[in-house]
PDB file of N, CA and C in Angstrom:
ATOM      1  N   MET A   1     172.395  44.056 -63.960  1.00  0.00           N
ATOM      2  CA  MET A   1     172.530  44.421 -62.568  1.00  0.00           C
ATOM      3  C   MET A   1     171.594  45.572 -62.208  1.00  0.00           C
ATOM      4  N   THR A   2     171.391  46.514 -63.098  1.00  0.00           N
ATOM      5  CA  THR A   2     170.465  47.612 -62.790  1.00  0.00           C
ATOM      6  C   THR A   2     169.036  47.108 -62.658  1.00  0.00           C
ATOM      7  N   GLU A   3     168.707  46.041 -63.333  1.00  0.00           N
ATOM      8  CA  GLU A   3     167.365  45.476 -63.205  1.00  0.00           C
ATOM      9  C   GLU A   3     167.144  44.940 -61.788  1.00  0.00           C
ATOM     10  N   ASP A   4     168.176  44.345 -61.194  1.00  0.00           N
ATOM     11  CA  ASP A   4     168.064  43.821 -59.831  1.00  0.00           C
ATOM     12  C   ASP A   4     167.815  44.936 -58.823  1.00  0.00           C
ATOM     13  N   ILE A   5     168.477  46.058 -59.024  1.00  0.00           N
ATOM     14  CA  ILE A   5     168.321  47.181 -58.109  1.00  0.00           C
ATOM     15  C   ILE A   5     166.911  47.744 -58.225  1.00  0.00           C
ATOM     16  N   ARG A   6     166.433  47.923 -59.426  1.00  0.00           N
ATOM     17  CA  ARG A   6     165.089  48.461 -59.622  1.00  0.00           C
ATOM     18  C   ARG A   6     164.030  47.520 -59.069  1.00  0.00           C
ATOM     19  N   ALA A   7     164.228  46.244 -59.219  1.00  0.00           N
ATOM     20  CA  ALA A   7     163.245  45.258 -58.760  1.00  0.00           C
ATOM     21  C   ALA A   7     163.171  45.225 -57.237  1.00  0.00           C
ATOM     22  N   SER A   8     164.269  45.539 -56.549  1.00  0.00           N
ATOM     23  CA  SER A   8     164.270  45.458 -55.094  1.00  0.00           C
ATOM     24  C   SER A   8     163.977  46.804 -54.428  1.00  0.00           C
ATOM     25  N   ALA A   9     163.822  47.854 -55.204  1.00  0.00           N
ATOM     26  CA  ALA A   9     163.547  49.169 -54.627  1.00  0.00           C
ATOM     27  C   ALA A   9     162.136  49.192 -54.047  1.00  0.00           C
ATOM     28  N   VAL A  10     161.999  49.825 -52.899  1.00  0.00           N
ATOM     29  CA  VAL A  10     160.707  49.940 -52.232  1.00  0.00           C
ATOM     30  C   VAL A  10     160.312  51.411 -52.245  1.00  0.00           C
ATOM     31  N   ALA A  11     159.103  51.677 -52.657  1.00  0.00           N
ATOM     32  CA  ALA A  11     158.621  53.055 -52.681  1.00  0.00           C
ATOM     33  C   ALA A  11     158.394  53.542 -51.255  1.00  0.00           C
ATOM     34  N   VAL A  12     158.948  54.694 -50.933  1.00  0.00           N
ATOM     35  CA  VAL A  12     158.782  55.301 -49.616  1.00  0.00           C
ATOM     36  C   VAL A  12     157.846  56.484 -49.782  1.00  0.00           C
ATOM     37  N   PRO A  13     156.747  56.504 -49.063  1.00  0.00           N
ATOM     38  CA  PRO A  13     155.809  57.621 -49.215  1.00  0.00           C
ATOM     39  C   PRO A  13     156.445  58.926 -48.760  1.00  0.00           C
ATOM     40  N   ALA A  14     156.126  59.982 -49.477  1.00  0.00           N
ATOM     41  CA  ALA A  14     156.653  61.297 -49.119  1.00  0.00           C
ATOM     42  C   ALA A  14     156.006  61.760 -47.823  1.00  0.00           C
ATOM     43  N   ARG A  15     156.787  62.416 -46.988  1.00  0.00           N
ATOM     44  CA  ARG A  15     156.249  62.960 -45.752  1.00  0.00           C
ATOM     45  C   ARG A  15     155.382  64.171 -46.087  1.00  0.00           C
ATOM     46  N   PRO A  16     154.270  64.327 -45.395  1.00  0.00           N
ATOM     47  CA  PRO A  16     153.405  65.477 -45.683  1.00  0.00           C
ATOM     48  C   PRO A  16     154.073  66.774 -45.226  1.00  0.00           C
ATOM     49  N   TYR A  17     153.866  67.827 -46.005  1.00  0.00           N
ATOM     50  CA  TYR A  17     154.383  69.139 -45.613  1.00  0.00           C
ATOM     51  C   TYR A  17     153.443  69.740 -44.578  1.00  0.00           C
ATOM     52  N   ARG A  18     153.993  70.218 -43.498  1.00  0.00           N
ATOM     53  CA  ARG A  18     153.202  70.889 -42.475  1.00  0.00           C
ATOM     54  C   ARG A  18     153.707  72.314 -42.352  1.00  0.00           C
ATOM     55  N   GLY A  19     152.846  73.247 -42.595  1.00  0.00           N
ATOM     56  CA  GLY A  19     153.198  74.656 -42.465  1.00  0.00           C
ATOM     57  C   GLY A  19     153.089  75.124 -41.033  1.00  0.00           C
ATOM     58  N   GLU A  20     153.437  76.384 -40.810  1.00  0.00           N
ATOM     59  CA  GLU A  20     153.430  76.933 -39.455  1.00  0.00           C
ATOM     60  C   GLU A  20     152.044  76.850 -38.827  1.00  0.00           C
ATOM     61  N   ALA A  21     151.000  77.117 -39.597  1.00  0.00           N
ATOM     62  CA  ALA A  21     149.640  77.073 -39.046  1.00  0.00           C
ATOM     63  C   ALA A  21     149.302  75.676 -38.527  1.00  0.00           C
ATOM     64  N   GLU A  22     149.687  74.654 -39.274  1.00  0.00           N
ATOM     65  CA  GLU A  22     149.402  73.293 -38.821  1.00  0.00           C
ATOM     66  C   GLU A  22     150.217  72.948 -37.589  1.00  0.00           C
ATOM     67  N   TRP A  23     151.493  73.393 -37.531  1.00  0.00           N
ATOM     68  CA  TRP A  23     152.304  73.118 -36.346  1.00  0.00           C
ATOM     69  C   TRP A  23     151.719  73.817 -35.123  1.00  0.00           C
ATOM     70  N   ARG A  24     151.216  75.040 -35.310  1.00  0.00           N
ATOM     71  CA  ARG A  24     150.588  75.746 -34.190  1.00  0.00           C
ATOM     72  C   ARG A  24     149.357  74.980 -33.699  1.00  0.00           C
ATOM     73  N   ARG A  25     148.582  74.418 -34.639  1.00  0.00           N
ATOM     74  CA  ARG A  25     147.411  73.632 -34.262  1.00  0.00           C
ATOM     75  C   ARG A  25     147.838  72.383 -33.490  1.00  0.00           C
ATOM     76  N   LEU A  26     148.910  71.732 -33.966  1.00  0.00           N
ATOM     77  CA  LEU A  26     149.418  70.546 -33.265  1.00  0.00           C
ATOM     78  C   LEU A  26     149.889  70.905 -31.858  1.00  0.00           C
ATOM     79  N   MET A  27     150.571  72.047 -31.715  1.00  0.00           N
ATOM     80  CA  MET A  27     151.046  72.471 -30.399  1.00  0.00           C
ATOM     81  C   MET A  27     149.871  72.742 -29.467  1.00  0.00           C
ATOM     82  N   SER A  28     148.818  73.326 -30.010  1.00  0.00           N
ATOM     83  CA  SER A  28     147.622  73.586 -29.223  1.00  0.00           C
ATOM     84  C   SER A  28     146.971  72.268 -28.791  1.00  0.00           C
ATOM     85  N   ASP A  29     146.904  71.314 -29.712  1.00  0.00           N
ATOM     86  CA  ASP A  29     146.356  69.989 -29.385  1.00  0.00           C
ATOM     87  C   ASP A  29     147.194  69.297 -28.314  1.00  0.00           C
ATOM     88  N   PHE A  30     148.496  69.489 -28.367  1.00  0.00           N
ATOM     89  CA  PHE A  30     149.386  68.844 -27.410  1.00  0.00           C
ATOM     90  C   PHE A  30     149.147  69.349 -25.989  1.00  0.00           C
ATOM     91  N   GLU A  31     148.763  70.614 -25.844  1.00  0.00           N
ATOM     92  CA  GLU A  31     148.550  71.176 -24.501  1.00  0.00           C
ATOM     93  C   GLU A  31     147.465  70.414 -23.750  1.00  0.00           C
ATOM     94  N   GLY A  32     146.513  69.827 -24.454  1.00  0.00           N
ATOM     95  CA  GLY A  32     145.475  69.049 -23.794  1.00  0.00           C
ATOM     96  C   GLY A  32     145.794  67.568 -23.698  1.00  0.00           C
ATOM     97  N   TRP A  33     146.961  67.181 -24.189  1.00  0.00           N
ATOM     98  CA  TRP A  33     147.365  65.771 -24.221  1.00  0.00           C
ATOM     99  C   TRP A  33     147.853  65.353 -22.851  1.00  0.00           C
ATOM    100  N   GLU A  34     147.424  64.195 -22.402  1.00  0.00           N
ATOM    101  CA  GLU A  34     147.808  63.703 -21.077  1.00  0.00           C
ATOM    102  C   GLU A  34     149.171  63.009 -21.072  1.00  0.00           C
ATOM    103  N   GLY A  35     149.654  62.558 -22.231  1.00  0.00           N
ATOM    104  CA  GLY A  35     150.878  61.771 -22.299  1.00  0.00           C
ATOM    105  C   GLY A  35     152.112  62.605 -22.616  1.00  0.00           C
ATOM    106  N   THR A  36     153.126  61.906 -23.072  1.00  0.00           N
ATOM    107  CA  THR A  36     154.418  62.525 -23.382  1.00  0.00           C
ATOM    108  C   THR A  36     154.432  63.065 -24.807  1.00  0.00           C
ATOM    109  N   GLN A  37     155.471  63.821 -25.119  1.00  0.00           N
ATOM    110  CA  GLN A  37     155.660  64.299 -26.485  1.00  0.00           C
ATOM    111  C   GLN A  37     155.783  63.119 -27.437  1.00  0.00           C
ATOM    112  N   ALA A  38     156.531  62.101 -27.020  1.00  0.00           N
ATOM    113  CA  ALA A  38     156.744  60.933 -27.877  1.00  0.00           C
ATOM    114  C   ALA A  38     155.425  60.223 -28.181  1.00  0.00           C
ATOM    115  N   SER A  39     154.571  60.051 -27.168  1.00  0.00           N
ATOM    116  CA  SER A  39     153.304  59.365 -27.404  1.00  0.00           C
ATOM    117  C   SER A  39     152.372  60.206 -28.274  1.00  0.00           C
ATOM    118  N   PHE A  40     152.411  61.527 -28.101  1.00  0.00           N
ATOM    119  CA  PHE A  40     151.607  62.424 -28.928  1.00  0.00           C
ATOM    120  C   PHE A  40     152.042  62.335 -30.388  1.00  0.00           C
ATOM    121  N   CYS A  41     153.358  62.395 -30.602  1.00  0.00           N
ATOM    122  CA  CYS A  41     153.890  62.346 -31.971  1.00  0.00           C
ATOM    123  C   CYS A  41     153.571  61.017 -32.644  1.00  0.00           C
ATOM    124  N   GLU A  42     153.681  59.933 -31.905  1.00  0.00           N
ATOM    125  CA  GLU A  42     153.379  58.624 -32.468  1.00  0.00           C
ATOM    126  C   GLU A  42     151.903  58.541 -32.866  1.00  0.00           C
ATOM    127  N   ALA A  43     151.029  59.056 -32.017  1.00  0.00           N
ATOM    128  CA  ALA A  43     149.589  59.014 -32.289  1.00  0.00           C
ATOM    129  C   ALA A  43     149.213  59.889 -33.488  1.00  0.00           C
ATOM    130  N   ARG A  44     149.950  60.972 -33.691  1.00  0.00           N
ATOM    131  CA  ARG A  44     149.643  61.904 -34.782  1.00  0.00           C
ATOM    132  C   ARG A  44     150.471  61.659 -36.037  1.00  0.00           C
ATOM    133  N   GLY A  45     151.387  60.704 -35.985  1.00  0.00           N
ATOM    134  CA  GLY A  45     152.229  60.431 -37.145  1.00  0.00           C
ATOM    135  C   GLY A  45     153.220  61.545 -37.439  1.00  0.00           C
ATOM    136  N   VAL A  46     153.751  62.123 -36.372  1.00  0.00           N
ATOM    137  CA  VAL A  46     154.668  63.260 -36.472  1.00  0.00           C
ATOM    138  C   VAL A  46     156.021  62.833 -35.934  1.00  0.00           C
ATOM    139  N   SER A  47     157.085  63.286 -36.574  1.00  0.00           N
ATOM    140  CA  SER A  47     158.436  63.021 -36.086  1.00  0.00           C
ATOM    141  C   SER A  47     158.655  63.777 -34.774  1.00  0.00           C
ATOM    142  N   LEU A  48     159.148  63.077 -33.759  1.00  0.00           N
ATOM    143  CA  LEU A  48     159.419  63.716 -32.470  1.00  0.00           C
ATOM    144  C   LEU A  48     160.435  64.837 -32.630  1.00  0.00           C
ATOM    145  N   LYS A  49     161.456  64.612 -33.420  1.00  0.00           N
ATOM    146  CA  LYS A  49     162.491  65.629 -33.628  1.00  0.00           C
ATOM    147  C   LYS A  49     161.902  66.886 -34.269  1.00  0.00           C
ATOM    148  N   SER A  50     161.048  66.693 -35.282  1.00  0.00           N
ATOM    149  CA  SER A  50     160.399  67.849 -35.925  1.00  0.00           C
ATOM    150  C   SER A  50     159.501  68.578 -34.928  1.00  0.00           C
ATOM    151  N   PHE A  51     158.784  67.806 -34.127  1.00  0.00           N
ATOM    152  CA  PHE A  51     157.905  68.388 -33.117  1.00  0.00           C
ATOM    153  C   PHE A  51     158.710  69.283 -32.165  1.00  0.00           C
ATOM    154  N   GLN A  52     159.823  68.755 -31.671  1.00  0.00           N
ATOM    155  CA  GLN A  52     160.651  69.517 -30.740  1.00  0.00           C
ATOM    156  C   GLN A  52     161.275  70.735 -31.410  1.00  0.00           C
ATOM    157  N   ASN A  53     161.707  70.581 -32.656  1.00  0.00           N
ATOM    158  CA  ASN A  53     162.267  71.722 -33.390  1.00  0.00           C
ATOM    159  C   ASN A  53     161.228  72.822 -33.560  1.00  0.00           C
ATOM    160  N   TRP A  54     159.992  72.450 -33.901  1.00  0.00           N
ATOM    161  CA  TRP A  54     158.933  73.440 -34.073  1.00  0.00           C
ATOM    162  C   TRP A  54     158.550  74.078 -32.741  1.00  0.00           C
ATOM    163  N   ARG A  55     158.598  73.351 -31.652  1.00  0.00           N
ATOM    164  CA  ARG A  55     158.310  73.955 -30.345  1.00  0.00           C
ATOM    165  C   ARG A  55     159.322  75.063 -30.058  1.00  0.00           C
ATOM    166  N   ARG A  56     160.594  74.773 -30.354  1.00  0.00           N
ATOM    167  CA  ARG A  56     161.620  75.802 -30.154  1.00  0.00           C
ATOM    168  C   ARG A  56     161.398  76.967 -31.121  1.00  0.00           C
ATOM    169  N   ARG A  57     161.137  76.666 -32.357  1.00  0.00           N
ATOM    170  CA  ARG A  57     160.953  77.693 -33.377  1.00  0.00           C
ATOM    171  C   ARG A  57     159.796  78.624 -33.019  1.00  0.00           C
ATOM    172  N   LEU A  58     158.742  78.064 -32.449  1.00  0.00           N
ATOM    173  CA  LEU A  58     157.567  78.854 -32.080  1.00  0.00           C
ATOM    174  C   LEU A  58     157.702  79.493 -30.705  1.00  0.00           C
ATOM    175  N   GLY A  59     158.834  79.246 -30.033  1.00  0.00           N
ATOM    176  CA  GLY A  59     159.091  79.872 -28.741  1.00  0.00           C
ATOM    177  C   GLY A  59     158.297  79.261 -27.601  1.00  0.00           C
ATOM    178  N   LEU A  60     157.930  77.991 -27.741  1.00  0.00           N
ATOM    179  CA  LEU A  60     157.164  77.312 -26.696  1.00  0.00           C
ATOM    180  C   LEU A  60     158.108  76.530 -25.802  1.00  0.00           C
ATOM    181  N   THR A  61     157.790  76.491 -24.532  1.00  0.00           N
ATOM    182  CA  THR A  61     158.608  75.759 -23.578  1.00  0.00           C
ATOM    183  C   THR A  61     157.934  74.438 -23.258  1.00  0.00           C
ATOM    184  N   PRO A  62     158.671  73.469 -22.780  1.00  0.00           N
ATOM    185  CA  PRO A  62     158.048  72.206 -22.383  1.00  0.00           C
ATOM    186  C   PRO A  62     156.999  72.431 -21.294  1.00  0.00           C
ATOM    187  N   ARG A  63     155.933  71.631 -21.305  1.00  0.00           N
ATOM    188  CA  ARG A  63     154.873  71.774 -20.305  1.00  0.00           C
ATOM    189  C   ARG A  63     155.399  71.566 -18.906  1.00  0.00           C
ATOM    190  N   SER A  64     156.401  70.712 -18.763  1.00  0.00           N
ATOM    191  CA  SER A  64     156.872  70.365 -17.428  1.00  0.00           C
ATOM    192  C   SER A  64     157.721  71.457 -16.802  1.00  0.00           C
ATOM    193  N   ARG A  65     158.138  72.432 -17.577  1.00  0.00           N
ATOM    194  CA  ARG A  65     158.985  73.497 -17.025  1.00  0.00           C
ATOM    195  C   ARG A  65     158.126  74.442 -16.205  1.00  0.00           C
ATOM    196  N   VAL A  66     158.586  74.753 -15.021  1.00  0.00           N
ATOM    197  CA  VAL A  66     157.870  75.641 -14.132  1.00  0.00           C
ATOM    198  C   VAL A  66     158.680  76.904 -13.985  1.00  0.00           C
ATOM    199  N   GLY A  67     158.020  78.040 -13.939  1.00  0.00           N
ATOM    200  CA  GLY A  67     158.739  79.284 -13.738  1.00  0.00           C
ATOM    201  C   GLY A  67     158.883  80.065 -15.024  1.00  0.00           C
ATOM    202  N   ARG A  68     159.954  80.794 -15.137  1.00  0.00           N
ATOM    203  CA  ARG A  68     160.163  81.690 -16.267  1.00  0.00           C
ATOM    204  C   ARG A  68     160.523  80.919 -17.523  1.00  0.00           C
ATOM    205  N   SER A  69     160.244  81.511 -18.673  1.00  0.00           N
ATOM    206  CA  SER A  69     160.486  80.836 -19.952  1.00  0.00           C
ATOM    207  C   SER A  69     161.971  80.747 -20.305  1.00  0.00           C
ATOM    208  N   ASP A  70     162.837  81.464 -19.595  1.00  0.00           N
ATOM    209  CA  ASP A  70     164.265  81.404 -19.901  1.00  0.00           C
ATOM    210  C   ASP A  70     164.963  80.261 -19.161  1.00  0.00           C
ATOM    211  N   GLY A  71     164.208  79.410 -18.478  1.00  0.00           N
ATOM    212  CA  GLY A  71     164.783  78.253 -17.812  1.00  0.00           C
ATOM    213  C   GLY A  71     165.082  78.470 -16.341  1.00  0.00           C
ATOM    214  N   PHE A  72     164.933  79.689 -15.861  1.00  0.00           N
ATOM    215  CA  PHE A  72     165.165  79.956 -14.450  1.00  0.00           C
ATOM    216  C   PHE A  72     163.866  79.806 -13.682  1.00  0.00           C
ATOM    217  N   VAL A  73     163.981  79.456 -12.434  1.00  0.00           N
ATOM    218  CA  VAL A  73     162.821  79.328 -11.570  1.00  0.00           C
ATOM    219  C   VAL A  73     162.989  80.304 -10.419  1.00  0.00           C
ATOM    220  N   GLU A  74     161.978  81.132 -10.197  1.00  0.00           N
ATOM    221  CA  GLU A  74     162.050  82.086  -9.104  1.00  0.00           C
ATOM    222  C   GLU A  74     161.774  81.368  -7.791  1.00  0.00           C
ATOM    223  N   VAL A  75     162.543  81.710  -6.763  1.00  0.00           N
ATOM    224  CA  VAL A  75     162.376  81.112  -5.447  1.00  0.00           C
ATOM    225  C   VAL A  75     162.165  82.237  -4.453  1.00  0.00           C
ATOM    226  N   ALA A  76     161.097  82.148  -3.689  1.00  0.00           N
ATOM    227  CA  ALA A  76     160.826  83.145  -2.660  1.00  0.00           C
ATOM    228  C   ALA A  76     161.254  82.580  -1.313  1.00  0.00           C
ATOM    229  N   VAL A  77     161.957  83.386  -0.536  1.00  0.00           N
ATOM    230  CA  VAL A  77     162.397  82.973   0.797  1.00  0.00           C
ATOM    231  C   VAL A  77     161.425  83.582   1.790  1.00  0.00           C
ATOM    232  N   SER A  78     160.767  82.721   2.560  1.00  0.00           N
ATOM    233  CA  SER A  78     159.750  83.216   3.482  1.00  0.00           C
ATOM    234  C   SER A  78     160.150  83.077   4.943  1.00  0.00           C
ATOM    235  N   SER A  79     161.396  82.682   5.201  1.00  0.00           N
ATOM    236  CA  SER A  79     161.824  82.542   6.590  1.00  0.00           C
ATOM    237  C   SER A  79     162.593  83.786   7.019  1.00  0.00           C
ATOM    238  N   GLY A  80     163.143  83.737   8.215  1.00  0.00           N
ATOM    239  CA  GLY A  80     163.868  84.868   8.767  1.00  0.00           C
ATOM    240  C   GLY A  80     165.186  85.140   8.065  1.00  0.00           C
ATOM    241  N   PRO A  81     166.044  85.964   8.685  1.00  0.00           N
ATOM    242  CA  PRO A  81     167.306  86.362   8.067  1.00  0.00           C
ATOM    243  C   PRO A  81     168.308  85.209   7.908  1.00  0.00           C
ATOM    244  N   ASP A  82     168.187  84.180   8.732  1.00  0.00           N
ATOM    245  CA  ASP A  82     169.074  83.016   8.608  1.00  0.00           C
ATOM    246  C   ASP A  82     168.297  81.894   7.930  1.00  0.00           C
ATOM    247  N   TRP A  83     168.787  81.404   6.816  1.00  0.00           N
ATOM    248  CA  TRP A  83     168.094  80.324   6.125  1.00  0.00           C
ATOM    249  C   TRP A  83     169.073  79.416   5.420  1.00  0.00           C
ATOM    250  N   ASP A  84     168.645  78.203   5.199  1.00  0.00           N
ATOM    251  CA  ASP A  84     169.402  77.211   4.452  1.00  0.00           C
ATOM    252  C   ASP A  84     168.525  76.728   3.301  1.00  0.00           C
ATOM    253  N   VAL A  85     169.163  76.536   2.161  1.00  0.00           N
ATOM    254  CA  VAL A  85     168.460  75.995   0.999  1.00  0.00           C
ATOM    255  C   VAL A  85     169.254  74.802   0.507  1.00  0.00           C
ATOM    256  N   GLU A  86     168.567  73.723   0.241  1.00  0.00           N
ATOM    257  CA  GLU A  86     169.218  72.526  -0.282  1.00  0.00           C
ATOM    258  C   GLU A  86     168.466  72.079  -1.523  1.00  0.00           C
ATOM    259  N   LEU A  87     169.171  71.985  -2.648  1.00  0.00           N
ATOM    260  CA  LEU A  87     168.577  71.533  -3.903  1.00  0.00           C
ATOM    261  C   LEU A  87     169.231  70.238  -4.330  1.00  0.00           C
ATOM    262  N   SER A  88     168.418  69.218  -4.568  1.00  0.00           N
ATOM    263  CA  SER A  88     168.930  67.958  -5.086  1.00  0.00           C
ATOM    264  C   SER A  88     168.874  68.039  -6.604  1.00  0.00           C
ATOM    265  N   LEU A  89     170.023  67.997  -7.265  1.00  0.00           N
ATOM    266  CA  LEU A  89     170.113  68.173  -8.713  1.00  0.00           C
ATOM    267  C   LEU A  89     170.149  66.847  -9.462  1.00  0.00           C
ATOM    268  N   GLY A  90     170.068  65.746  -8.763  1.00  0.00           N
ATOM    269  CA  GLY A  90     170.093  64.435  -9.403  1.00  0.00           C
ATOM    270  C   GLY A  90     171.497  63.867  -9.459  1.00  0.00           C
ATOM    271  N   ASP A  91     171.596  62.582  -9.687  1.00  0.00           N
ATOM    272  CA  ASP A  91     172.879  61.879  -9.757  1.00  0.00           C
ATOM    273  C   ASP A  91     173.747  62.123  -8.520  1.00  0.00           C
ATOM    274  N   GLY A  92     173.115  62.313  -7.383  1.00  0.00           N
ATOM    275  CA  GLY A  92     173.858  62.492  -6.141  1.00  0.00           C
ATOM    276  C   GLY A  92     174.424  63.885  -5.928  1.00  0.00           C
ATOM    277  N   VAL A  93     174.124  64.829  -6.792  1.00  0.00           N
ATOM    278  CA  VAL A  93     174.633  66.195  -6.670  1.00  0.00           C
ATOM    279  C   VAL A  93     173.635  67.024  -5.860  1.00  0.00           C
ATOM    280  N   VAL A  94     174.130  67.667  -4.813  1.00  0.00           N
ATOM    281  CA  VAL A  94     173.279  68.489  -3.957  1.00  0.00           C
ATOM    282  C   VAL A  94     173.918  69.869  -3.840  1.00  0.00           C
ATOM    283  N   LEU A  95     173.126  70.906  -4.028  1.00  0.00           N
ATOM    284  CA  LEU A  95     173.581  72.292  -3.895  1.00  0.00           C
ATOM    285  C   LEU A  95     173.017  72.839  -2.592  1.00  0.00           C
ATOM    286  N   ARG A  96     173.913  73.284  -1.701  1.00  0.00           N
ATOM    287  CA  ARG A  96     173.479  73.829  -0.414  1.00  0.00           C
ATOM    288  C   ARG A  96     173.889  75.300  -0.339  1.00  0.00           C
ATOM    289  N   VAL A  97     172.927  76.140   0.064  1.00  0.00           N
ATOM    290  CA  VAL A  97     173.180  77.567   0.201  1.00  0.00           C
ATOM    291  C   VAL A  97     172.757  77.960   1.609  1.00  0.00           C
ATOM    292  N   ARG A  98     173.614  78.696   2.296  1.00  0.00           N
ATOM    293  CA  ARG A  98     173.319  79.117   3.663  1.00  0.00           C
ATOM    294  C   ARG A  98     173.514  80.620   3.769  1.00  0.00           C
ATOM    295  N   ARG A  99     172.564  81.257   4.378  1.00  0.00           N
ATOM    296  CA  ARG A  99     172.673  82.701   4.643  1.00  0.00           C
ATOM    297  C   ARG A  99     172.611  82.874   6.146  1.00  0.00           C
ATOM    298  N   SER A 100     173.625  83.534   6.700  1.00  0.00           N
ATOM    299  CA  SER A 100     173.587  83.748   8.142  1.00  0.00           C
ATOM    300  C   SER A 100     174.102  85.113   8.480  1.00  0.00           C
TER     301      SER A 100
END
């Protein structure tokens, strides 16, 4: 029975070790990439999960995030003392703020 197991075993290549310097280079390359993280990782043979973990580890934010790195977005009010703000948060959720 052990012969059957050995005969059916498939060799899995070891994943290459990537140090911090290589991850930093990959992150730099990604900044010029036109596609998504998933398409970049597929093209480079990199695990998407590892890519995302290293982005967090290196303190990098997603390219699509606008505003401050802590996830907040600054909003400047340029109208008079009375204003209304409406934010569509998706899935039918709308946040309305009124100052009067």
